[in-house]
Amino acid sequence: MNIMTRDEVMKLRDRELDAAIAEHVMGWKRVLPTHPSNGTVWALDGKVIKTQYTWKPSENIADAWRVVEKMIEDGYFVEVFAHECCAIGIEIDDEEFAEPAYHSGKDDCENISRAALLSVLT
């Protein structure tokens, strides 16, 4: 697994962010699409899971919540909390690391996505 700095994770945008989550958090592999219009295709154990058009955890709350469920399944402690002003904050903790990954901001999906990546890549 490639290790990224916090700054590198924070610079990822849109498709790059979603692709990094698919690969590093969900454990999916890129496979060749059956048709060019499918774009990037993600698979697990040879079974197609999602395409770049249907996997958008940085934008879609259902996909972002699937990331939360995967982190919990993998043994991470996940705390999601509401801020008074805007969106949620999220903290993801692994017993191996002293500092939990934390991210908050105006976008719930992005908060979840970045905290998950920070947990597994930094």
Protein backbone atom coordinates (compact mmCIF):
# COMPACT_ATOMS: atom_id res chain seq x y z
CA MET A 1 0.00 0.00 0.00
CA ASN A 2 1.31 3.42 -0.89
CA ILE A 3 1.69 5.81 1.99
CA MET A 4 0.52 9.36 1.31
CA THR A 5 1.03 12.47 3.35
CA ARG A 6 -1.91 14.39 4.74
CA ASP A 7 -1.22 17.14 2.18
CA GLU A 8 -1.36 14.65 -0.69
CA VAL A 9 -4.67 13.23 0.53
CA MET A 10 -6.10 16.73 0.90
CA LYS A 11 -5.13 17.61 -2.70
CA LEU A 12 -7.08 14.70 -4.21
CA ARG A 13 -10.23 15.85 -6.00
CA ASP A 14 -13.34 14.23 -7.45
CA ARG A 15 -12.48 11.07 -9.45
CA GLU A 16 -8.96 10.88 -7.94
CA LEU A 17 -10.42 10.88 -4.43
CA ASP A 18 -13.09 8.30 -5.30
CA ALA A 19 -10.49 6.07 -7.01
CA ALA A 20 -8.15 6.23 -4.01
CA ILE A 21 -11.00 5.23 -1.70
CA ALA A 22 -11.99 2.32 -3.96
CA GLU A 23 -8.45 1.02 -4.05
CA HIS A 24 -7.07 1.76 -0.58
CA VAL A 25 -10.14 1.68 1.67
CA MET A 26 -12.51 -0.72 -0.07
CA GLY A 27 -9.76 -3.00 -1.40
CA TRP A 28 -11.14 -3.04 -4.95
CA LYS A 29 -9.00 -3.46 -8.07
CA ARG A 30 -9.26 -1.60 -11.38
CA VAL A 31 -10.25 -3.89 -14.25
CA LEU A 32 -10.67 -3.27 -17.94
CA PRO A 33 -14.18 -2.06 -18.77
CA THR A 34 -16.37 -4.25 -20.95
CA HIS A 35 -17.36 -1.12 -22.87
CA PRO A 36 -15.48 2.20 -23.15
CA SER A 37 -18.50 4.14 -21.91
CA ASN A 38 -18.17 2.41 -18.53
CA GLY A 39 -14.97 4.32 -17.70
CA THR A 40 -13.03 2.90 -14.75
CA VAL A 41 -14.49 -0.36 -13.45
CA TRP A 42 -13.85 -1.62 -9.90
CA ALA A 43 -13.91 -5.30 -8.99
CA LEU A 44 -13.38 -7.50 -5.96
CA ASP A 45 -12.37 -11.13 -6.48
CA GLY A 46 -13.11 -10.76 -10.20
CA LYS A 47 -16.68 -9.58 -9.66
CA VAL A 48 -17.54 -6.10 -10.88
CA ILE A 49 -18.62 -3.92 -7.96
CA LYS A 50 -18.95 -0.38 -9.33
CA THR A 51 -17.94 1.90 -12.19
CA GLN A 52 -16.61 5.43 -11.91
CA TYR A 53 -20.12 6.63 -12.76
CA THR A 54 -21.80 4.67 -9.97
CA TRP A 55 -19.08 4.98 -7.27
CA LYS A 56 -18.91 8.51 -5.87
CA PRO A 57 -18.28 8.46 -2.12
CA SER A 58 -17.03 12.04 -2.25
CA GLU A 59 -20.47 13.13 -3.53
CA ASN A 60 -23.03 10.45 -2.68
CA ILE A 61 -23.94 9.86 0.97
CA ALA A 62 -24.93 6.22 0.37
CA ASP A 63 -21.48 5.47 -1.06
CA ALA A 64 -19.82 7.48 1.72
CA TRP A 65 -21.72 5.49 4.34
CA ARG A 66 -20.57 2.27 2.66
CA VAL A 67 -17.03 3.53 3.36
CA VAL A 68 -17.93 4.00 7.05
CA GLU A 69 -19.32 0.46 7.20
CA LYS A 70 -16.13 -0.92 5.60
CA MET A 71 -13.94 0.92 8.11
CA ILE A 72 -15.96 -0.54 11.00
CA GLU A 73 -15.81 -4.00 9.41
CA ASP A 74 -12.02 -3.63 9.20
CA GLY A 75 -11.79 -2.92 12.94
CA TYR A 76 -11.66 0.86 13.00
CA PHE A 77 -13.57 2.88 15.56
CA VAL A 78 -15.66 5.47 13.75
CA GLU A 79 -17.28 8.45 15.44
CA VAL A 80 -19.54 10.69 13.40
CA PHE A 81 -20.81 13.88 15.02
CA ALA A 82 -22.80 16.94 14.00
CA HIS A 83 -21.42 20.44 14.05
CA GLU A 84 -23.72 23.30 15.00
CA CYS A 85 -22.90 25.32 11.90
CA CYS A 86 -22.91 22.94 8.99
CA ALA A 87 -21.89 19.41 8.17
CA ILE A 88 -20.68 16.42 10.13
CA GLY A 89 -17.24 15.76 11.47
CA ILE A 90 -15.81 12.28 11.48
CA GLU A 91 -13.05 10.67 13.50
CA ILE A 92 -11.63 7.27 12.59
CA ASP A 93 -9.30 5.56 15.00
CA ASP A 94 -7.14 2.46 14.75
CA GLU A 95 -5.54 1.12 17.95
CA GLU A 96 -2.14 1.00 16.21
CA PHE A 97 -1.97 4.77 15.81
CA ALA A 98 -1.87 7.38 18.54
CA GLU A 99 -3.61 10.08 16.49
CA PRO A 100 -7.03 9.37 15.00
CA ALA A 101 -7.82 10.63 11.50
CA TYR A 102 -10.23 13.52 11.69
CA HIS A 103 -11.87 15.65 9.06
CA SER A 104 -14.69 18.15 9.14
CA GLY A 105 -15.98 20.76 6.76
CA LYS A 106 -19.03 21.79 4.79
CA ASP A 107 -19.46 18.53 2.86
CA ASP A 108 -20.45 15.34 4.70
CA CYS A 109 -19.40 12.97 1.91
CA GLU A 110 -16.01 14.60 1.52
CA ASN A 111 -15.45 14.54 5.29
CA ILE A 112 -16.07 10.80 5.43
CA SER A 113 -13.96 10.14 2.34
CA ARG A 114 -10.93 12.11 3.48
CA ALA A 115 -11.01 10.76 7.05
CA ALA A 116 -11.10 7.19 5.74
CA LEU A 117 -8.16 7.79 3.40
CA LEU A 118 -6.20 9.55 6.12
CA SER A 119 -6.76 6.52 8.36
CA VAL A 120 -5.38 3.98 5.94
CA LEU A 121 -2.74 5.97 4.05
CA THR A 122 -0.99 8.26 6.52
